[in-house]
Amino acid sequence: MHIFVNDERVKCEAGLHVAALLAQLDRDKPDVALALNQQILPRAQWEEHSLQEGDALLLFQVIAGG
């Protein structure tokens, strides 16, 4: 199946969890956050959320500040 990661088309196996995809892409860093289909997906859900054909992930670096 195909999904989009930061607007790039990526091929992956069906039913892959978000956490597994990030590990494959070497993007599973502590300072990474993501939006799935324009909705923030909490890190606690990455292990259980299965990706679907055409899903769009936006990965970004978390920056603390005030």
PDB file of N, CA and C in Angstrom:
ATOM      1  N   MET A   1       0.843  -1.173   0.000  1.00  0.00           N
ATOM      2  CA  MET A   1       0.000   0.000   0.000  1.00  0.00           C
ATOM      3  C   MET A   1       0.888   1.236   0.000  1.00  0.00           C
ATOM      4  N   HIS A   2       0.289   2.373  -0.272  1.00  0.00           N
ATOM      5  CA  HIS A   2       1.030   3.627  -0.311  1.00  0.00           C
ATOM      6  C   HIS A   2       0.427   4.634   0.665  1.00  0.00           C
ATOM      7  N   ILE A   3       1.314   5.346   1.339  1.00  0.00           N
ATOM      8  CA  ILE A   3       0.926   6.440   2.213  1.00  0.00           C
ATOM      9  C   ILE A   3       1.817   7.631   1.864  1.00  0.00           C
ATOM     10  N   PHE A   4       1.589   8.737   2.521  1.00  0.00           N
ATOM     11  CA  PHE A   4       2.409   9.919   2.298  1.00  0.00           C
ATOM     12  C   PHE A   4       3.063  10.327   3.618  1.00  0.00           C
ATOM     13  N   VAL A   5       4.355  10.570   3.566  1.00  0.00           N
ATOM     14  CA  VAL A   5       5.110  11.029   4.728  1.00  0.00           C
ATOM     15  C   VAL A   5       5.754  12.352   4.332  1.00  0.00           C
ATOM     16  N   ASN A   6       5.312  13.419   4.980  1.00  0.00           N
ATOM     17  CA  ASN A   6       5.779  14.765   4.624  1.00  0.00           C
ATOM     18  C   ASN A   6       5.673  15.000   3.115  1.00  0.00           C
ATOM     19  N   ASP A   7       4.520  14.652   2.572  1.00  0.00           N
ATOM     20  CA  ASP A   7       4.171  14.849   1.152  1.00  0.00           C
ATOM     21  C   ASP A   7       4.941  13.961   0.177  1.00  0.00           C
ATOM     22  N   GLU A   8       5.718  12.995   0.681  1.00  0.00           N
ATOM     23  CA  GLU A   8       6.395  12.034  -0.190  1.00  0.00           C
ATOM     24  C   GLU A   8       5.646  10.718  -0.154  1.00  0.00           C
ATOM     25  N   ARG A   9       5.411  10.146  -1.333  1.00  0.00           N
ATOM     26  CA  ARG A   9       4.727   8.858  -1.405  1.00  0.00           C
ATOM     27  C   ARG A   9       5.678   7.761  -0.937  1.00  0.00           C
ATOM     28  N   VAL A  10       5.186   6.927   0.005  1.00  0.00           N
ATOM     29  CA  VAL A  10       6.001   5.863   0.586  1.00  0.00           C
ATOM     30  C   VAL A  10       5.231   4.557   0.474  1.00  0.00           C
ATOM     31  N   LYS A  11       5.910   3.512   0.030  1.00  0.00           N
ATOM     32  CA  LYS A  11       5.303   2.192  -0.041  1.00  0.00           C
ATOM     33  C   LYS A  11       5.583   1.461   1.265  1.00  0.00           C
ATOM     34  N   CYS A  12       4.541   0.825   1.819  1.00  0.00           N
ATOM     35  CA  CYS A  12       4.720   0.050   3.046  1.00  0.00           C
ATOM     36  C   CYS A  12       3.735  -1.106   3.049  1.00  0.00           C
ATOM     37  N   GLU A  13       3.948  -2.037   3.969  1.00  0.00           N
ATOM     38  CA  GLU A  13       3.062  -3.200   4.037  1.00  0.00           C
ATOM     39  C   GLU A  13       1.727  -2.810   4.678  1.00  0.00           C
ATOM     40  N   ALA A  14       0.676  -3.467   4.270  1.00  0.00           N
ATOM     41  CA  ALA A  14      -0.660  -3.202   4.800  1.00  0.00           C
ATOM     42  C   ALA A  14      -0.709  -3.533   6.288  1.00  0.00           C
ATOM     43  N   GLY A  15      -1.424  -2.710   7.047  1.00  0.00           N
ATOM     44  CA  GLY A  15      -1.611  -2.963   8.470  1.00  0.00           C
ATOM     45  C   GLY A  15      -0.447  -2.548   9.352  1.00  0.00           C
ATOM     46  N   LEU A  16       0.555  -1.894   8.774  1.00  0.00           N
ATOM     47  CA  LEU A  16       1.722  -1.465   9.537  1.00  0.00           C
ATOM     48  C   LEU A  16       1.311  -0.404  10.563  1.00  0.00           C
ATOM     49  N   HIS A  17       1.835  -0.536  11.766  1.00  0.00           N
ATOM     50  CA  HIS A  17       1.557   0.462  12.804  1.00  0.00           C
ATOM     51  C   HIS A  17       2.462   1.674  12.612  1.00  0.00           C
ATOM     52  N   VAL A  18       2.006   2.818  13.077  1.00  0.00           N
ATOM     53  CA  VAL A  18       2.771   4.060  12.960  1.00  0.00           C
ATOM     54  C   VAL A  18       4.164   3.892  13.560  1.00  0.00           C
ATOM     55  N   ALA A  19       4.272   3.301  14.739  1.00  0.00           N
ATOM     56  CA  ALA A  19       5.567   3.124  15.399  1.00  0.00           C
ATOM     57  C   ALA A  19       6.518   2.288  14.543  1.00  0.00           C
ATOM     58  N   ALA A  20       6.013   1.246  13.917  1.00  0.00           N
ATOM     59  CA  ALA A  20       6.846   0.384  13.082  1.00  0.00           C
ATOM     60  C   ALA A  20       7.334   1.135  11.846  1.00  0.00           C
ATOM     61  N   LEU A  21       6.472   1.937  11.255  1.00  0.00           N
ATOM     62  CA  LEU A  21       6.884   2.722  10.099  1.00  0.00           C
ATOM     63  C   LEU A  21       7.984   3.703  10.481  1.00  0.00           C
ATOM     64  N   LEU A  22       7.812   4.398  11.588  1.00  0.00           N
ATOM     65  CA  LEU A  22       8.828   5.356  12.024  1.00  0.00           C
ATOM     66  C   LEU A  22      10.158   4.669  12.303  1.00  0.00           C
ATOM     67  N   ALA A  23      10.112   3.460  12.856  1.00  0.00           N
ATOM     68  CA  ALA A  23      11.340   2.696  13.091  1.00  0.00           C
ATOM     69  C   ALA A  23      12.010   2.347  11.764  1.00  0.00           C
ATOM     70  N   GLN A  24      11.219   1.926  10.774  1.00  0.00           N
ATOM     71  CA  GLN A  24      11.766   1.599   9.458  1.00  0.00           C
ATOM     72  C   GLN A  24      12.422   2.811   8.806  1.00  0.00           C
ATOM     73  N   LEU A  25      11.817   3.970   9.011  1.00  0.00           N
ATOM     74  CA  LEU A  25      12.331   5.202   8.412  1.00  0.00           C
ATOM     75  C   LEU A  25      13.408   5.864   9.262  1.00  0.00           C
ATOM     76  N   ASP A  26      13.736   5.250  10.402  1.00  0.00           N
ATOM     77  CA  ASP A  26      14.695   5.799  11.366  1.00  0.00           C
ATOM     78  C   ASP A  26      14.291   7.204  11.808  1.00  0.00           C
ATOM     79  N   ARG A  27      12.989   7.361  12.070  1.00  0.00           N
ATOM     80  CA  ARG A  27      12.455   8.658  12.508  1.00  0.00           C
ATOM     81  C   ARG A  27      11.781   8.553  13.870  1.00  0.00           C
ATOM     82  N   ASP A  28      12.014   7.487  14.612  1.00  0.00           N
ATOM     83  CA  ASP A  28      11.373   7.274  15.913  1.00  0.00           C
ATOM     84  C   ASP A  28      12.216   7.881  17.031  1.00  0.00           C
ATOM     85  N   LYS A  29      12.447   9.160  16.932  1.00  0.00           N
ATOM     86  CA  LYS A  29      13.248   9.897  17.907  1.00  0.00           C
ATOM     87  C   LYS A  29      12.335  10.509  18.977  1.00  0.00           C
ATOM     88  N   PRO A  30      12.863  10.784  20.170  1.00  0.00           N
ATOM     89  CA  PRO A  30      12.040  11.349  21.250  1.00  0.00           C
ATOM     90  C   PRO A  30      11.473  12.733  20.935  1.00  0.00           C
ATOM     91  N   ASP A  31      12.137  13.483  20.053  1.00  0.00           N
ATOM     92  CA  ASP A  31      11.669  14.837  19.762  1.00  0.00           C
ATOM     93  C   ASP A  31      10.768  14.929  18.531  1.00  0.00           C
ATOM     94  N   VAL A  32      10.265  13.780  18.048  1.00  0.00           N
ATOM     95  CA  VAL A  32       9.393  13.761  16.882  1.00  0.00           C
ATOM     96  C   VAL A  32       7.931  13.688  17.331  1.00  0.00           C
ATOM     97  N   ALA A  33       7.117  14.488  16.683  1.00  0.00           N
ATOM     98  CA  ALA A  33       5.666  14.421  16.857  1.00  0.00           C
ATOM     99  C   ALA A  33       5.075  14.240  15.465  1.00  0.00           C
ATOM    100  N   LEU A  34       3.801  13.874  15.393  1.00  0.00           N
ATOM    101  CA  LEU A  34       3.219  13.687  14.072  1.00  0.00           C
ATOM    102  C   LEU A  34       1.729  13.984  14.051  1.00  0.00           C
ATOM    103  N   ALA A  35       1.303  14.331  12.862  1.00  0.00           N
ATOM    104  CA  ALA A  35      -0.118  14.485  12.581  1.00  0.00           C
ATOM    105  C   ALA A  35      -0.472  13.425  11.544  1.00  0.00           C
ATOM    106  N   LEU A  36      -1.570  12.758  11.762  1.00  0.00           N
ATOM    107  CA  LEU A  36      -2.071  11.753  10.827  1.00  0.00           C
ATOM    108  C   LEU A  36      -3.347  12.301  10.229  1.00  0.00           C
ATOM    109  N   ASN A  37      -3.334  12.503   8.921  1.00  0.00           N
ATOM    110  CA  ASN A  37      -4.492  13.067   8.229  1.00  0.00           C
ATOM    111  C   ASN A  37      -4.959  14.360   8.904  1.00  0.00           C
ATOM    112  N   GLN A  38      -3.993  15.216   9.219  1.00  0.00           N
ATOM    113  CA  GLN A  38      -4.197  16.550   9.783  1.00  0.00           C
ATOM    114  C   GLN A  38      -4.725  16.553  11.221  1.00  0.00           C
ATOM    115  N   GLN A  39      -4.568  15.446  11.931  1.00  0.00           N
ATOM    116  CA  GLN A  39      -4.940  15.360  13.338  1.00  0.00           C
ATOM    117  C   GLN A  39      -3.722  14.875  14.119  1.00  0.00           C
ATOM    118  N   ILE A  40      -3.386  15.569  15.197  1.00  0.00           N
ATOM    119  CA  ILE A  40      -2.266  15.128  16.028  1.00  0.00           C
ATOM    120  C   ILE A  40      -2.562  13.732  16.575  1.00  0.00           C
ATOM    121  N   LEU A  41      -1.600  12.847  16.439  1.00  0.00           N
ATOM    122  CA  LEU A  41      -1.737  11.495  16.972  1.00  0.00           C
ATOM    123  C   LEU A  41      -0.783  11.375  18.153  1.00  0.00           C
ATOM    124  N   PRO A  42      -1.311  11.239  19.373  1.00  0.00           N
ATOM    125  CA  PRO A  42      -0.447  11.128  20.557  1.00  0.00           C
ATOM    126  C   PRO A  42       0.501   9.926  20.459  1.00  0.00           C
ATOM    127  N   ARG A  43       1.703  10.112  20.949  1.00  0.00           N
ATOM    128  CA  ARG A  43       2.723   9.055  20.909  1.00  0.00           C
ATOM    129  C   ARG A  43       2.212   7.752  21.531  1.00  0.00           C
ATOM    130  N   ALA A  44       1.379   7.844  22.544  1.00  0.00           N
ATOM    131  CA  ALA A  44       0.844   6.645  23.208  1.00  0.00           C
ATOM    132  C   ALA A  44       0.021   5.776  22.255  1.00  0.00           C
ATOM    133  N   GLN A  45      -0.432   6.324  21.139  1.00  0.00           N
ATOM    134  CA  GLN A  45      -1.243   5.574  20.180  1.00  0.00           C
ATOM    135  C   GLN A  45      -0.456   5.049  18.987  1.00  0.00           C
ATOM    136  N   TRP A  46       0.824   5.397  18.896  1.00  0.00           N
ATOM    137  CA  TRP A  46       1.617   5.000  17.736  1.00  0.00           C
ATOM    138  C   TRP A  46       1.751   3.487  17.606  1.00  0.00           C
ATOM    139  N   GLU A  47       1.846   2.776  18.718  1.00  0.00           N
ATOM    140  CA  GLU A  47       2.024   1.316  18.691  1.00  0.00           C
ATOM    141  C   GLU A  47       0.753   0.585  18.256  1.00  0.00           C
ATOM    142  N   GLU A  48      -0.398   1.203  18.447  1.00  0.00           N
ATOM    143  CA  GLU A  48      -1.666   0.515  18.169  1.00  0.00           C
ATOM    144  C   GLU A  48      -2.392   0.998  16.923  1.00  0.00           C
ATOM    145  N   HIS A  49      -1.981   2.141  16.365  1.00  0.00           N
ATOM    146  CA  HIS A  49      -2.706   2.688  15.216  1.00  0.00           C
ATOM    147  C   HIS A  49      -2.150   2.120  13.910  1.00  0.00           C
ATOM    148  N   SER A  50      -2.983   1.389  13.185  1.00  0.00           N
ATOM    149  CA  SER A  50      -2.595   0.812  11.892  1.00  0.00           C
ATOM    150  C   SER A  50      -2.817   1.825  10.779  1.00  0.00           C
ATOM    151  N   LEU A  51      -1.856   1.909   9.899  1.00  0.00           N
ATOM    152  CA  LEU A  51      -1.971   2.820   8.765  1.00  0.00           C
ATOM    153  C   LEU A  51      -2.878   2.232   7.695  1.00  0.00           C
ATOM    154  N   GLN A  52      -3.531   3.112   6.956  1.00  0.00           N
ATOM    155  CA  GLN A  52      -4.438   2.726   5.882  1.00  0.00           C
ATOM    156  C   GLN A  52      -3.939   3.323   4.559  1.00  0.00           C
ATOM    157  N   GLU A  53      -4.333   2.724   3.464  1.00  0.00           N
ATOM    158  CA  GLU A  53      -3.982   3.218   2.135  1.00  0.00           C
ATOM    159  C   GLU A  53      -4.320   4.706   2.033  1.00  0.00           C
ATOM    160  N   GLY A  54      -3.345   5.494   1.574  1.00  0.00           N
ATOM    161  CA  GLY A  54      -3.564   6.913   1.341  1.00  0.00           C
ATOM    162  C   GLY A  54      -3.415   7.810   2.557  1.00  0.00           C
ATOM    163  N   ASP A  55      -3.132   7.239   3.738  1.00  0.00           N
ATOM    164  CA  ASP A  55      -2.934   8.072   4.926  1.00  0.00           C
ATOM    165  C   ASP A  55      -1.797   9.066   4.677  1.00  0.00           C
ATOM    166  N   ALA A  56      -1.904  10.220   5.319  1.00  0.00           N
ATOM    167  CA  ALA A  56      -0.875  11.254   5.203  1.00  0.00           C
ATOM    168  C   ALA A  56      -0.314  11.563   6.585  1.00  0.00           C
ATOM    169  N   LEU A  57       0.976  11.335   6.739  1.00  0.00           N
ATOM    170  CA  LEU A  57       1.674  11.645   7.983  1.00  0.00           C
ATOM    171  C   LEU A  57       2.507  12.900   7.791  1.00  0.00           C
ATOM    172  N   LEU A  58       2.442  13.780   8.767  1.00  0.00           N
ATOM    173  CA  LEU A  58       3.306  14.941   8.798  1.00  0.00           C
ATOM    174  C   LEU A  58       4.162  14.820  10.042  1.00  0.00           C
ATOM    175  N   LEU A  59       5.452  14.641   9.854  1.00  0.00           N
ATOM    176  CA  LEU A  59       6.383  14.512  10.966  1.00  0.00           C
ATOM    177  C   LEU A  59       7.033  15.861  11.220  1.00  0.00           C
ATOM    178  N   PHE A  60       7.162  16.206  12.481  1.00  0.00           N
ATOM    179  CA  PHE A  60       7.821  17.454  12.814  1.00  0.00           C
ATOM    180  C   PHE A  60       8.555  17.325  14.121  1.00  0.00           C
ATOM    181  N   GLN A  61       9.519  18.211  14.330  1.00  0.00           N
ATOM    182  CA  GLN A  61      10.326  18.205  15.536  1.00  0.00           C
ATOM    183  C   GLN A  61       9.643  19.055  16.600  1.00  0.00           C
ATOM    184  N   VAL A  62       9.535  18.513  17.783  1.00  0.00           N
ATOM    185  CA  VAL A  62       8.947  19.230  18.903  1.00  0.00           C
ATOM    186  C   VAL A  62       9.975  20.229  19.434  1.00  0.00           C
ATOM    187  N   ILE A  63       9.538  21.449  19.605  1.00  0.00           N
ATOM    188  CA  ILE A  63      10.411  22.503  20.126  1.00  0.00           C
ATOM    189  C   ILE A  63       9.716  23.118  21.331  1.00  0.00           C
ATOM    190  N   ALA A  64      10.387  23.081  22.474  1.00  0.00           N
ATOM    191  CA  ALA A  64       9.824  23.674  23.684  1.00  0.00           C
ATOM    192  C   ALA A  64      10.226  25.141  23.752  1.00  0.00           C
ATOM    193  N   GLY A  65       9.363  25.911  24.296  1.00  0.00           N
ATOM    194  CA  GLY A  65       9.675  27.330  24.429  1.00  0.00           C
ATOM    195  C   GLY A  65       8.556  28.042  25.154  1.00  0.00           C
ATOM    196  N   GLY A  66       8.716  29.304  25.309  1.00  0.00           N
ATOM    197  CA  GLY A  66       7.689  30.019  26.039  1.00  0.00           C
ATOM    198  C   GLY A  66       7.574  31.445  25.610  1.00  0.00           C
TER     199      GLY A  66
END
